[in-house]
Amino acid sequence: MNENEKIRGELLNAVNGLSDEQLNAQLETGRWSIIQVLDHLYLMERAITKSISDKLKSDESIPAVDKPIELTLNREVKVEAPSFVTPSKIIPNFE
């Protein structure tokens, strides 16, 4: 958990001070903005935490399914995020 907190702190420090325009900028069509990536990470963490909590409360013993989590580090492989962890489409309103 300490490592997670350390990484979360580093991430928040990296984006601290960015303007709304910078956070919402979509550098390429079809790519997420910084704020959408942050939203995705939040949704992922919430889903994982809930899943672990639910499993710990359950008496069922279901074997874990192997998942290619090593692909999360490979930026050349793009995977469609499930809908429950897809960030909202934030449309910046800069005036």
N, C-alpha and C. Protein backbone atom coordinates (compact mmCIF):
# COMPACT_ATOMS: atom_id res chain seq x y z
N MET A 1 0.82 -1.20 0.00
CA MET A 1 0.00 0.00 0.00
C MET A 1 0.86 1.26 0.00
N ASN A 2 1.99 1.19 0.69
CA ASN A 2 2.87 2.37 0.71
C ASN A 2 3.35 2.72 -0.69
N GLU A 3 3.63 1.70 -1.51
CA GLU A 3 4.07 1.94 -2.88
C GLU A 3 2.96 2.61 -3.68
N ASN A 4 1.72 2.16 -3.49
CA ASN A 4 0.58 2.78 -4.18
C ASN A 4 0.44 4.24 -3.79
N GLU A 5 0.56 4.52 -2.50
CA GLU A 5 0.44 5.89 -2.03
C GLU A 5 1.57 6.76 -2.58
N LYS A 6 2.77 6.20 -2.67
CA LYS A 6 3.91 6.93 -3.21
C LYS A 6 3.68 7.26 -4.69
N ILE A 7 3.23 6.29 -5.45
CA ILE A 7 2.99 6.49 -6.88
C ILE A 7 1.85 7.49 -7.09
N ARG A 8 0.79 7.38 -6.28
CA ARG A 8 -0.33 8.32 -6.38
C ARG A 8 0.14 9.74 -6.11
N GLY A 9 0.99 9.90 -5.09
CA GLY A 9 1.54 11.22 -4.77
C GLY A 9 2.38 11.78 -5.90
N GLU A 10 3.22 10.93 -6.50
CA GLU A 10 4.05 11.37 -7.63
C GLU A 10 3.18 11.80 -8.81
N LEU A 11 2.13 11.05 -9.06
CA LEU A 11 1.23 11.38 -10.16
C LEU A 11 0.54 12.72 -9.91
N LEU A 12 0.03 12.90 -8.71
CA LEU A 12 -0.64 14.16 -8.40
C LEU A 12 0.33 15.34 -8.45
N ASN A 13 1.56 15.13 -8.00
CA ASN A 13 2.57 16.19 -8.11
C ASN A 13 2.88 16.53 -9.56
N ALA A 14 2.85 15.52 -10.43
CA ALA A 14 3.16 15.74 -11.85
C ALA A 14 2.11 16.61 -12.54
N VAL A 15 0.87 16.53 -12.09
CA VAL A 15 -0.20 17.29 -12.76
C VAL A 15 -0.58 18.54 -11.98
N ASN A 16 -0.07 18.68 -10.77
CA ASN A 16 -0.37 19.85 -9.95
C ASN A 16 0.09 21.11 -10.67
N GLY A 17 -0.78 22.08 -10.76
CA GLY A 17 -0.42 23.35 -11.40
C GLY A 17 -0.76 23.42 -12.88
N LEU A 18 -1.19 22.29 -13.47
CA LEU A 18 -1.61 22.34 -14.88
C LEU A 18 -2.94 23.09 -14.97
N SER A 19 -3.10 23.85 -16.02
CA SER A 19 -4.35 24.59 -16.24
C SER A 19 -5.45 23.64 -16.70
N ASP A 20 -6.69 24.11 -16.64
CA ASP A 20 -7.81 23.32 -17.16
C ASP A 20 -7.59 23.00 -18.63
N GLU A 21 -7.06 23.97 -19.35
CA GLU A 21 -6.80 23.75 -20.78
C GLU A 21 -5.80 22.63 -20.98
N GLN A 22 -4.73 22.62 -20.20
CA GLN A 22 -3.73 21.56 -20.31
C GLN A 22 -4.30 20.21 -19.90
N LEU A 23 -5.07 20.18 -18.84
CA LEU A 23 -5.65 18.93 -18.36
C LEU A 23 -6.64 18.34 -19.34
N ASN A 24 -7.36 19.18 -20.06
CA ASN A 24 -8.40 18.72 -20.98
C ASN A 24 -7.93 18.60 -22.43
N ALA A 25 -6.71 19.01 -22.71
CA ALA A 25 -6.22 18.97 -24.09
C ALA A 25 -6.16 17.52 -24.59
N GLN A 26 -6.70 17.33 -25.78
CA GLN A 26 -6.65 16.03 -26.44
C GLN A 26 -5.64 16.16 -27.56
N LEU A 27 -4.43 15.62 -27.33
CA LEU A 27 -3.33 15.83 -28.27
C LEU A 27 -3.52 15.12 -29.60
N GLU A 28 -4.24 14.01 -29.58
CA GLU A 28 -4.54 13.28 -30.80
C GLU A 28 -5.99 12.83 -30.76
N THR A 29 -6.63 12.82 -31.90
CA THR A 29 -8.00 12.34 -31.99
C THR A 29 -8.05 10.89 -31.53
N GLY A 30 -9.03 10.60 -30.68
CA GLY A 30 -9.18 9.24 -30.19
C GLY A 30 -8.32 8.91 -28.98
N ARG A 31 -7.50 9.85 -28.53
CA ARG A 31 -6.66 9.62 -27.35
C ARG A 31 -7.27 10.38 -26.17
N TRP A 32 -7.04 9.88 -24.98
CA TRP A 32 -7.57 10.53 -23.79
C TRP A 32 -6.72 11.72 -23.39
N SER A 33 -7.39 12.70 -22.81
CA SER A 33 -6.69 13.85 -22.22
C SER A 33 -6.11 13.43 -20.88
N ILE A 34 -5.30 14.28 -20.29
CA ILE A 34 -4.72 13.99 -18.97
C ILE A 34 -5.83 13.76 -17.95
N ILE A 35 -6.85 14.61 -17.96
CA ILE A 35 -7.92 14.47 -16.97
C ILE A 35 -8.69 13.18 -17.17
N GLN A 36 -8.84 12.74 -18.41
CA GLN A 36 -9.52 11.48 -18.67
C GLN A 36 -8.68 10.30 -18.19
N VAL A 37 -7.37 10.38 -18.36
CA VAL A 37 -6.49 9.32 -17.85
C VAL A 37 -6.59 9.26 -16.32
N LEU A 38 -6.60 10.42 -15.67
CA LEU A 38 -6.74 10.45 -14.22
C LEU A 38 -8.09 9.87 -13.79
N ASP A 39 -9.15 10.20 -14.52
CA ASP A 39 -10.47 9.65 -14.23
C ASP A 39 -10.46 8.14 -14.39
N HIS A 40 -9.84 7.65 -15.45
CA HIS A 40 -9.73 6.21 -15.70
C HIS A 40 -8.99 5.52 -14.54
N LEU A 41 -7.88 6.10 -14.09
CA LEU A 41 -7.13 5.51 -12.99
C LEU A 41 -7.97 5.46 -11.71
N TYR A 42 -8.72 6.53 -11.47
CA TYR A 42 -9.61 6.56 -10.31
C TYR A 42 -10.67 5.45 -10.42
N LEU A 43 -11.31 5.34 -11.58
CA LEU A 43 -12.34 4.33 -11.78
C LEU A 43 -11.77 2.92 -11.65
N MET A 44 -10.57 2.70 -12.18
CA MET A 44 -9.91 1.39 -12.06
C MET A 44 -9.64 1.06 -10.60
N GLU A 45 -9.07 2.00 -9.87
CA GLU A 45 -8.75 1.76 -8.47
C GLU A 45 -10.02 1.46 -7.66
N ARG A 46 -11.07 2.22 -7.94
CA ARG A 46 -12.34 2.00 -7.24
C ARG A 46 -12.91 0.62 -7.56
N ALA A 47 -12.86 0.21 -8.83
CA ALA A 47 -13.39 -1.09 -9.24
C ALA A 47 -12.58 -2.23 -8.62
N ILE A 48 -11.27 -2.09 -8.61
CA ILE A 48 -10.41 -3.14 -8.04
C ILE A 48 -10.64 -3.25 -6.54
N THR A 49 -10.72 -2.12 -5.87
CA THR A 49 -10.94 -2.11 -4.42
C THR A 49 -12.28 -2.75 -4.08
N LYS A 50 -13.32 -2.42 -4.84
CA LYS A 50 -14.64 -3.00 -4.59
C LYS A 50 -14.62 -4.50 -4.84
N SER A 51 -13.97 -4.92 -5.91
CA SER A 51 -13.89 -6.34 -6.23
C SER A 51 -13.18 -7.12 -5.12
N ILE A 52 -12.06 -6.59 -4.64
CA ILE A 52 -11.33 -7.25 -3.56
C ILE A 52 -12.19 -7.32 -2.30
N SER A 53 -12.84 -6.22 -1.98
CA SER A 53 -13.69 -6.16 -0.79
C SER A 53 -14.83 -7.17 -0.90
N ASP A 54 -15.48 -7.23 -2.05
CA ASP A 54 -16.58 -8.18 -2.25
C ASP A 54 -16.10 -9.61 -2.13
N LYS A 55 -14.94 -9.92 -2.68
CA LYS A 55 -14.39 -11.29 -2.61
C LYS A 55 -14.05 -11.67 -1.18
N LEU A 56 -13.52 -10.72 -0.42
CA LEU A 56 -13.17 -11.01 0.97
C LEU A 56 -14.41 -11.26 1.83
N LYS A 57 -15.54 -10.62 1.48
CA LYS A 57 -16.79 -10.79 2.23
C LYS A 57 -17.49 -12.10 1.86
N SER A 58 -17.15 -12.66 0.70
CA SER A 58 -17.82 -13.84 0.18
C SER A 58 -17.17 -15.11 0.74
N ASP A 59 -17.99 -16.14 0.91
CA ASP A 59 -17.48 -17.44 1.33
C ASP A 59 -17.03 -18.27 0.13
N GLU A 60 -17.36 -17.81 -1.08
CA GLU A 60 -17.00 -18.55 -2.28
C GLU A 60 -15.50 -18.54 -2.51
N SER A 61 -15.02 -19.63 -3.03
CA SER A 61 -13.60 -19.71 -3.39
C SER A 61 -13.54 -19.96 -4.89
N ILE A 62 -13.33 -18.88 -5.63
CA ILE A 62 -13.28 -18.97 -7.09
C ILE A 62 -11.85 -18.71 -7.53
N PRO A 63 -11.29 -19.61 -8.34
CA PRO A 63 -9.91 -19.38 -8.79
C PRO A 63 -9.80 -18.11 -9.64
N ALA A 64 -8.71 -17.42 -9.48
CA ALA A 64 -8.47 -16.20 -10.26
C ALA A 64 -8.19 -16.57 -11.71
N VAL A 65 -8.69 -15.74 -12.60
CA VAL A 65 -8.46 -15.92 -14.03
C VAL A 65 -7.19 -15.19 -14.41
N ASP A 66 -6.32 -15.87 -15.15
CA ASP A 66 -5.10 -15.21 -15.61
C ASP A 66 -5.44 -14.08 -16.56
N LYS A 67 -4.82 -12.94 -16.34
CA LYS A 67 -5.01 -11.78 -17.21
C LYS A 67 -3.64 -11.25 -17.60
N PRO A 68 -3.50 -10.77 -18.82
CA PRO A 68 -2.19 -10.29 -19.28
C PRO A 68 -1.86 -8.89 -18.74
N ILE A 69 -1.69 -8.80 -17.42
CA ILE A 69 -1.47 -7.48 -16.81
C ILE A 69 -0.14 -6.86 -17.25
N GLU A 70 0.77 -7.69 -17.74
CA GLU A 70 2.05 -7.15 -18.21
C GLU A 70 1.86 -6.22 -19.41
N LEU A 71 0.75 -6.37 -20.12
CA LEU A 71 0.47 -5.50 -21.26
C LEU A 71 0.19 -4.06 -20.85
N THR A 72 -0.14 -3.84 -19.57
CA THR A 72 -0.41 -2.48 -19.12
C THR A 72 0.83 -1.60 -19.22
N LEU A 73 2.00 -2.21 -19.25
CA LEU A 73 3.24 -1.45 -19.36
C LEU A 73 3.68 -1.24 -20.81
N ASN A 74 3.06 -1.97 -21.73
CA ASN A 74 3.43 -1.87 -23.14
C ASN A 74 2.54 -0.83 -23.81
N ARG A 75 3.09 0.34 -24.06
CA ARG A 75 2.30 1.44 -24.63
C ARG A 75 1.99 1.25 -26.11
N GLU A 76 2.57 0.21 -26.73
CA GLU A 76 2.29 -0.05 -28.15
C GLU A 76 1.00 -0.86 -28.32
N VAL A 77 0.57 -1.54 -27.28
CA VAL A 77 -0.63 -2.35 -27.33
C VAL A 77 -1.79 -1.54 -26.76
N LYS A 78 -2.78 -1.26 -27.57
CA LYS A 78 -3.95 -0.51 -27.12
C LYS A 78 -5.10 -1.48 -26.89
N VAL A 79 -5.71 -1.35 -25.72
CA VAL A 79 -6.82 -2.21 -25.34
C VAL A 79 -8.00 -1.32 -25.03
N GLU A 80 -9.16 -1.72 -25.50
CA GLU A 80 -10.39 -0.96 -25.22
C GLU A 80 -10.75 -1.14 -23.75
N ALA A 81 -10.90 -0.05 -23.04
CA ALA A 81 -11.26 -0.11 -21.62
C ALA A 81 -12.71 -0.54 -21.48
N PRO A 82 -13.00 -1.40 -20.51
CA PRO A 82 -14.41 -1.74 -20.27
C PRO A 82 -15.20 -0.47 -19.90
N SER A 83 -16.48 -0.49 -20.17
CA SER A 83 -17.30 0.71 -19.97
C SER A 83 -17.26 1.23 -18.54
N PHE A 84 -17.12 0.34 -17.55
CA PHE A 84 -17.15 0.80 -16.16
C PHE A 84 -15.88 1.53 -15.74
N VAL A 85 -14.85 1.53 -16.59
CA VAL A 85 -13.63 2.28 -16.28
C VAL A 85 -13.25 3.24 -17.41
N THR A 86 -14.21 3.49 -18.30
CA THR A 86 -13.98 4.45 -19.37
C THR A 86 -14.34 5.84 -18.85
N PRO A 87 -13.41 6.80 -18.97
CA PRO A 87 -13.70 8.14 -18.46
C PRO A 87 -14.77 8.84 -19.28
N SER A 88 -15.41 9.80 -18.64
CA SER A 88 -16.41 10.57 -19.36
C SER A 88 -15.73 11.42 -20.43
N LYS A 89 -16.47 11.78 -21.41
CA LYS A 89 -15.94 12.65 -22.47
C LYS A 89 -16.07 14.09 -21.99
N ILE A 90 -14.99 14.62 -21.48
CA ILE A 90 -14.99 15.97 -20.94
C ILE A 90 -14.70 16.94 -22.08
N ILE A 91 -15.60 17.85 -22.29
CA ILE A 91 -15.43 18.85 -23.35
C ILE A 91 -15.04 20.16 -22.70
N PRO A 92 -13.82 20.61 -22.94
CA PRO A 92 -13.40 21.86 -22.32
C PRO A 92 -14.22 23.05 -22.83
N ASN A 93 -14.46 23.99 -21.95
CA ASN A 93 -15.18 25.21 -22.29
C ASN A 93 -14.27 26.38 -21.94
N PHE A 94 -13.39 26.72 -22.86
CA PHE A 94 -12.42 27.78 -22.60
C PHE A 94 -12.95 29.09 -23.19
N GLU A 95 -12.98 30.08 -22.37
CA GLU A 95 -13.46 31.39 -22.85
C GLU A 95 -12.41 32.45 -22.63
